[in-house]
Amino acid sequence: MGNGLENDDDFDSTFVVVALQKMIDIRYFLVPYIILRLRFVRPTYEIVSFEFIWYLIINALTFNVFFTKEIYWKDFEYAQRIIW
């Protein structure tokens, strides 16, 4: 059965959309990831559990950076956050 992709064009186009971004932002990665994910064979319970834990860790780190990291610019009097 292989990896579930019909041809290499699916992977190539997903790679171009995701890997060549200058700014890392979920908006650029979410749709290609979902399309690629839907094309794979149904995941096992272990894979889904691992992904869930992985996303919890990423979200916890993101919230931690947002709530603890403050940036002060010369032209703003109040603190800025790294994620808007």
Protein backbone atom coordinates (compact mmCIF):
# COMPACT_ATOMS: atom_id res chain seq x y z
CA MET A 1 0.00 0.00 0.00
CA GLY A 2 2.82 2.41 0.61
CA ASN A 3 2.49 5.71 2.38
CA GLY A 4 -1.03 6.54 1.20
CA LEU A 5 0.00 9.23 -1.29
CA GLU A 6 -1.18 8.78 -4.84
CA ASN A 7 1.97 10.25 -6.31
CA ASP A 8 5.02 12.32 -5.44
CA ASP A 9 3.33 15.55 -6.59
CA ASP A 10 1.23 15.61 -3.40
CA PHE A 11 4.33 15.46 -1.24
CA ASP A 12 6.24 17.94 -3.42
CA SER A 13 3.48 20.54 -3.34
CA THR A 14 3.01 20.14 0.41
CA PHE A 15 6.76 20.47 0.92
CA VAL A 16 6.90 23.67 -1.15
CA VAL A 17 4.02 25.23 0.78
CA VAL A 18 5.30 24.28 4.23
CA ALA A 19 9.10 24.25 4.07
CA LEU A 20 9.74 27.48 2.18
CA GLN A 21 7.90 29.81 4.55
CA LYS A 22 9.81 32.74 6.01
CA MET A 23 7.48 33.00 8.97
CA ILE A 24 6.50 30.04 11.10
CA ASP A 25 2.80 30.40 11.72
CA ILE A 26 0.05 27.83 12.10
CA ARG A 27 -1.97 29.46 9.31
CA TYR A 28 0.65 28.37 6.78
CA PHE A 29 0.93 24.81 8.00
CA LEU A 30 -2.54 23.75 9.08
CA VAL A 31 -4.31 23.21 5.75
CA PRO A 32 -1.43 21.38 4.01
CA TYR A 33 -0.97 19.22 7.10
CA ILE A 34 -4.65 18.29 7.23
CA ILE A 35 -4.70 17.46 3.51
CA LEU A 36 -1.56 15.33 3.85
CA ARG A 37 -2.87 13.69 7.04
CA LEU A 38 -6.18 12.73 5.41
CA ARG A 39 -4.35 10.94 2.63
CA PHE A 40 -2.58 8.52 4.97
CA VAL A 41 -3.92 5.20 6.14
CA ARG A 42 -6.02 5.38 9.30
CA PRO A 43 -3.70 5.97 12.29
CA THR A 44 -3.46 3.65 15.26
CA TYR A 45 -4.44 4.54 18.81
CA GLU A 46 -0.76 4.93 19.74
CA ILE A 47 -0.12 7.44 16.94
CA VAL A 48 -3.20 9.49 17.82
CA SER A 49 -2.19 9.47 21.50
CA PHE A 50 1.36 10.55 20.64
CA GLU A 51 0.08 13.39 18.43
CA PHE A 52 -2.29 14.55 21.17
CA ILE A 53 0.50 14.63 23.77
CA TRP A 54 2.83 16.33 21.26
CA TYR A 55 0.25 19.08 20.58
CA LEU A 56 -0.34 19.54 24.31
CA ILE A 57 3.40 20.11 24.80
CA ILE A 58 3.58 22.55 21.88
CA ASN A 59 0.54 24.48 23.16
CA ALA A 60 1.93 24.60 26.70
CA LEU A 61 5.23 25.99 25.41
CA THR A 62 3.41 28.52 23.24
CA PHE A 63 1.28 29.74 26.14
CA ASN A 64 4.36 29.91 28.34
CA VAL A 65 6.19 32.10 25.82
CA PHE A 66 3.15 34.32 25.39
CA PHE A 67 2.54 34.87 29.09
CA THR A 68 6.17 35.19 30.22
CA LYS A 69 8.05 36.88 27.36
CA GLU A 70 7.67 40.64 27.14
CA ILE A 71 9.34 42.81 24.53
CA TYR A 72 9.92 46.51 25.04
CA TRP A 73 10.27 48.73 21.99
CA LYS A 74 11.53 52.29 21.99
CA ASP A 75 8.38 53.67 20.38
CA PHE A 76 5.87 51.89 22.71
CA GLU A 77 5.47 52.66 26.38
CA TYR A 78 3.95 49.33 27.35
CA ALA A 79 5.20 45.78 26.97
CA GLN A 80 4.54 43.85 23.74
CA ARG A 81 3.93 40.11 23.52
CA ILE A 82 5.74 37.85 21.10
CA ILE A 83 2.42 36.40 19.85
CA TRP A 84 -0.44 38.72 19.03
